[in-house]
Amino acid sequence: MKYFNSDVFVYDSFFTIFGAGGGTVPHNHLNSRDRDSILSLAKQKYSLVYYLSVGDQECSEPGILKFYEPSEEVLPSEGLITIFPAGRYHNAVYGGNTDRVIIGVNFYSL
């Protein structure tokens, strides 16, 4: 696991509530400014997800956080914080009967 000591600039934050059948398509958190070759911000941008409530995981779609390239899967637990490069594609599909609540943050390492 890689650790770093850096100041951060929080770009945005959001919350999401997933009910049964909720989820996201594979996506990343880079914008056009991050992709600008002169600014080269993509390598400094990270995303964070904090699980306030994981909901009902005793179902066929328990809301596994799936990462791509390389492939990795994380079954969240309440209180889990996951930080990953903002350019990494990911998604989750949730089919539980109780709402899942997350807080997301996109930030830059300065």
C-alpha atoms as a PDB file:
ATOM      1  CA  MET A   1       0.000   0.000   0.000  1.00  0.00           C
ATOM      2  CA  LYS A   2       1.363   3.411  -0.954  1.00  0.00           C
ATOM      3  CA  TYR A   3       1.189   6.283   1.523  1.00  0.00           C
ATOM      4  CA  PHE A   4       1.984   9.900   0.817  1.00  0.00           C
ATOM      5  CA  ASN A   5       2.293  13.075   2.813  1.00  0.00           C
ATOM      6  CA  SER A   6       0.745  15.950   0.913  1.00  0.00           C
ATOM      7  CA  ASP A   7      -1.575  18.903   1.174  1.00  0.00           C
ATOM      8  CA  VAL A   8      -4.845  18.374  -0.666  1.00  0.00           C
ATOM      9  CA  PHE A   9      -7.290  20.555  -2.562  1.00  0.00           C
ATOM     10  CA  VAL A  10     -10.850  19.225  -2.416  1.00  0.00           C
ATOM     11  CA  TYR A  11     -12.382  19.749  -5.850  1.00  0.00           C
ATOM     12  CA  ASP A  12     -15.887  18.494  -5.109  1.00  0.00           C
ATOM     13  CA  SER A  13     -17.870  16.238  -2.833  1.00  0.00           C
ATOM     14  CA  PHE A  14     -21.222  14.494  -3.115  1.00  0.00           C
ATOM     15  CA  PHE A  15     -23.435  11.888  -1.523  1.00  0.00           C
ATOM     16  CA  THR A  16     -25.300   9.037  -3.153  1.00  0.00           C
ATOM     17  CA  ILE A  17     -28.156   6.901  -1.909  1.00  0.00           C
ATOM     18  CA  PHE A  18     -28.599   3.608  -3.740  1.00  0.00           C
ATOM     19  CA  GLY A  19     -31.863   1.720  -3.391  1.00  0.00           C
ATOM     20  CA  ALA A  20     -32.597  -1.702  -4.843  1.00  0.00           C
ATOM     21  CA  GLY A  21     -31.387  -1.803  -8.444  1.00  0.00           C
ATOM     22  CA  GLY A  22     -29.172   1.271  -7.971  1.00  0.00           C
ATOM     23  CA  GLY A  23     -25.641   1.585  -9.181  1.00  0.00           C
ATOM     24  CA  THR A  24     -23.325   3.171 -11.669  1.00  0.00           C
ATOM     25  CA  VAL A  25     -21.926   2.327 -15.076  1.00  0.00           C
ATOM     26  CA  PRO A  26     -18.118   2.072 -15.381  1.00  0.00           C
ATOM     27  CA  HIS A  27     -16.718   5.609 -15.119  1.00  0.00           C
ATOM     28  CA  ASN A  28     -13.823   7.644 -13.799  1.00  0.00           C
ATOM     29  CA  HIS A  29     -13.612  11.089 -12.200  1.00  0.00           C
ATOM     30  CA  LEU A  30     -11.397  12.967 -14.656  1.00  0.00           C
ATOM     31  CA  ASN A  31     -12.635  16.060 -16.461  1.00  0.00           C
ATOM     32  CA  SER A  32     -11.278  17.873 -19.528  1.00  0.00           C
ATOM     33  CA  ARG A  33      -9.014  20.083 -17.384  1.00  0.00           C
ATOM     34  CA  ASP A  34      -7.454  16.990 -15.810  1.00  0.00           C
ATOM     35  CA  ARG A  35      -6.769  15.548 -19.271  1.00  0.00           C
ATOM     36  CA  ASP A  36      -5.022  18.708 -20.516  1.00  0.00           C
ATOM     37  CA  SER A  37      -1.472  17.653 -21.425  1.00  0.00           C
ATOM     38  CA  ILE A  38       0.023  20.998 -20.364  1.00  0.00           C
ATOM     39  CA  LEU A  39      -1.579  21.098 -16.904  1.00  0.00           C
ATOM     40  CA  SER A  40      -1.066  17.345 -16.377  1.00  0.00           C
ATOM     41  CA  LEU A  41      -3.439  17.244 -13.394  1.00  0.00           C
ATOM     42  CA  ALA A  42      -4.716  13.685 -13.869  1.00  0.00           C
ATOM     43  CA  LYS A  43      -1.770  12.136 -12.042  1.00  0.00           C
ATOM     44  CA  GLN A  44      -2.479  14.347  -9.000  1.00  0.00           C
ATOM     45  CA  LYS A  45      -6.230  13.707  -8.773  1.00  0.00           C
ATOM     46  CA  TYR A  46      -7.735  11.118  -6.445  1.00  0.00           C
ATOM     47  CA  SER A  47     -11.220   9.965  -5.526  1.00  0.00           C
ATOM     48  CA  LEU A  48     -12.466   8.862  -2.135  1.00  0.00           C
ATOM     49  CA  VAL A  49     -15.581   6.929  -1.196  1.00  0.00           C
ATOM     50  CA  TYR A  50     -16.781   6.658   2.412  1.00  0.00           C
ATOM     51  CA  TYR A  51     -19.482   4.106   3.207  1.00  0.00           C
ATOM     52  CA  LEU A  52     -21.920   5.454   5.802  1.00  0.00           C
ATOM     53  CA  SER A  53     -24.276   2.514   5.328  1.00  0.00           C
ATOM     54  CA  VAL A  54     -23.672  -0.524   3.116  1.00  0.00           C
ATOM     55  CA  GLY A  55     -27.312  -1.571   3.162  1.00  0.00           C
ATOM     56  CA  ASP A  56     -28.349  -5.188   2.607  1.00  0.00           C
ATOM     57  CA  GLN A  57     -25.468  -7.319   1.329  1.00  0.00           C
ATOM     58  CA  GLU A  58     -27.364 -10.636   1.583  1.00  0.00           C
ATOM     59  CA  CYS A  59     -28.508 -10.464  -2.043  1.00  0.00           C
ATOM     60  CA  SER A  60     -27.268 -11.304  -5.540  1.00  0.00           C
ATOM     61  CA  GLU A  61     -25.893  -7.760  -6.107  1.00  0.00           C
ATOM     62  CA  PRO A  62     -24.340  -6.694  -2.766  1.00  0.00           C
ATOM     63  CA  GLY A  63     -22.789  -3.499  -4.164  1.00  0.00           C
ATOM     64  CA  ILE A  64     -19.261  -4.710  -4.792  1.00  0.00           C
ATOM     65  CA  LEU A  65     -17.000  -1.825  -5.839  1.00  0.00           C
ATOM     66  CA  LYS A  66     -15.403  -3.081  -9.062  1.00  0.00           C
ATOM     67  CA  PHE A  67     -12.204  -1.551 -10.397  1.00  0.00           C
ATOM     68  CA  TYR A  68     -10.831  -2.070 -13.902  1.00  0.00           C
ATOM     69  CA  GLU A  69      -7.267  -2.190 -15.268  1.00  0.00           C
ATOM     70  CA  PRO A  70      -6.238  -3.941 -13.134  1.00  0.00           C
ATOM     71  CA  SER A  71      -9.373  -5.812 -12.109  1.00  0.00           C
ATOM     72  CA  GLU A  72     -10.126  -5.681  -8.387  1.00  0.00           C
ATOM     73  CA  GLU A  73     -13.258  -6.071  -6.300  1.00  0.00           C
ATOM     74  CA  VAL A  74     -14.041  -4.643  -2.855  1.00  0.00           C
ATOM     75  CA  LEU A  75     -17.051  -5.643  -0.757  1.00  0.00           C
ATOM     76  CA  PRO A  76     -17.611  -2.502   1.331  1.00  0.00           C
ATOM     77  CA  SER A  77     -18.182  -2.427   5.063  1.00  0.00           C
ATOM     78  CA  GLU A  78     -19.650   0.416   7.094  1.00  0.00           C
ATOM     79  CA  GLY A  79     -17.024   3.047   7.825  1.00  0.00           C
ATOM     80  CA  LEU A  80     -14.727   1.876   5.014  1.00  0.00           C
ATOM     81  CA  ILE A  81     -12.835   4.638   3.213  1.00  0.00           C
ATOM     82  CA  THR A  82     -11.330   3.803  -0.168  1.00  0.00           C
ATOM     83  CA  ILE A  83      -8.980   6.212  -1.979  1.00  0.00           C
ATOM     84  CA  PHE A  84      -7.971   5.562  -5.593  1.00  0.00           C
ATOM     85  CA  PRO A  85      -6.571   7.437  -8.605  1.00  0.00           C
ATOM     86  CA  ALA A  86      -9.427   9.446 -10.149  1.00  0.00           C
ATOM     87  CA  GLY A  87      -8.597   8.092 -13.597  1.00  0.00           C
ATOM     88  CA  ARG A  88      -9.278   4.490 -12.594  1.00  0.00           C
ATOM     89  CA  TYR A  89     -12.523   3.151 -14.035  1.00  0.00           C
ATOM     90  CA  HIS A  90     -14.940   1.684 -11.490  1.00  0.00           C
ATOM     91  CA  ASN A  91     -18.596   0.868 -10.904  1.00  0.00           C
ATOM     92  CA  ALA A  92     -20.989  -0.756  -8.454  1.00  0.00           C
ATOM     93  CA  VAL A  93     -24.395  -2.411  -8.744  1.00  0.00           C
ATOM     94  CA  TYR A  94     -26.583  -2.726  -5.671  1.00  0.00           C
ATOM     95  CA  GLY A  95     -29.684  -4.876  -5.301  1.00  0.00           C
ATOM     96  CA  GLY A  96     -30.342  -4.861  -1.564  1.00  0.00           C
ATOM     97  CA  ASN A  97     -33.622  -3.937   0.133  1.00  0.00           C
ATOM     98  CA  THR A  98     -32.114  -1.281   2.430  1.00  0.00           C
ATOM     99  CA  ASP A  99     -30.632   1.985   1.155  1.00  0.00           C
ATOM    100  CA  ARG A 100     -26.872   2.232   0.740  1.00  0.00           C
ATOM    101  CA  VAL A 101     -25.398   5.666   1.557  1.00  0.00           C
ATOM    102  CA  ILE A 102     -21.958   6.875   0.480  1.00  0.00           C
ATOM    103  CA  ILE A 103     -20.037  10.131   0.515  1.00  0.00           C
ATOM    104  CA  GLY A 104     -17.663  10.772  -2.365  1.00  0.00           C
ATOM    105  CA  VAL A 105     -14.838  13.295  -2.628  1.00  0.00           C
ATOM    106  CA  ASN A 106     -12.561  14.222  -5.534  1.00  0.00           C
ATOM    107  CA  PHE A 107      -9.319  15.928  -4.560  1.00  0.00           C
ATOM    108  CA  TYR A 108      -5.879  16.868  -5.825  1.00  0.00           C
ATOM    109  CA  SER A 109      -2.600  16.070  -4.099  1.00  0.00           C
ATOM    110  CA  LEU A 110      -0.588  19.313  -4.029  1.00  0.00           C
END
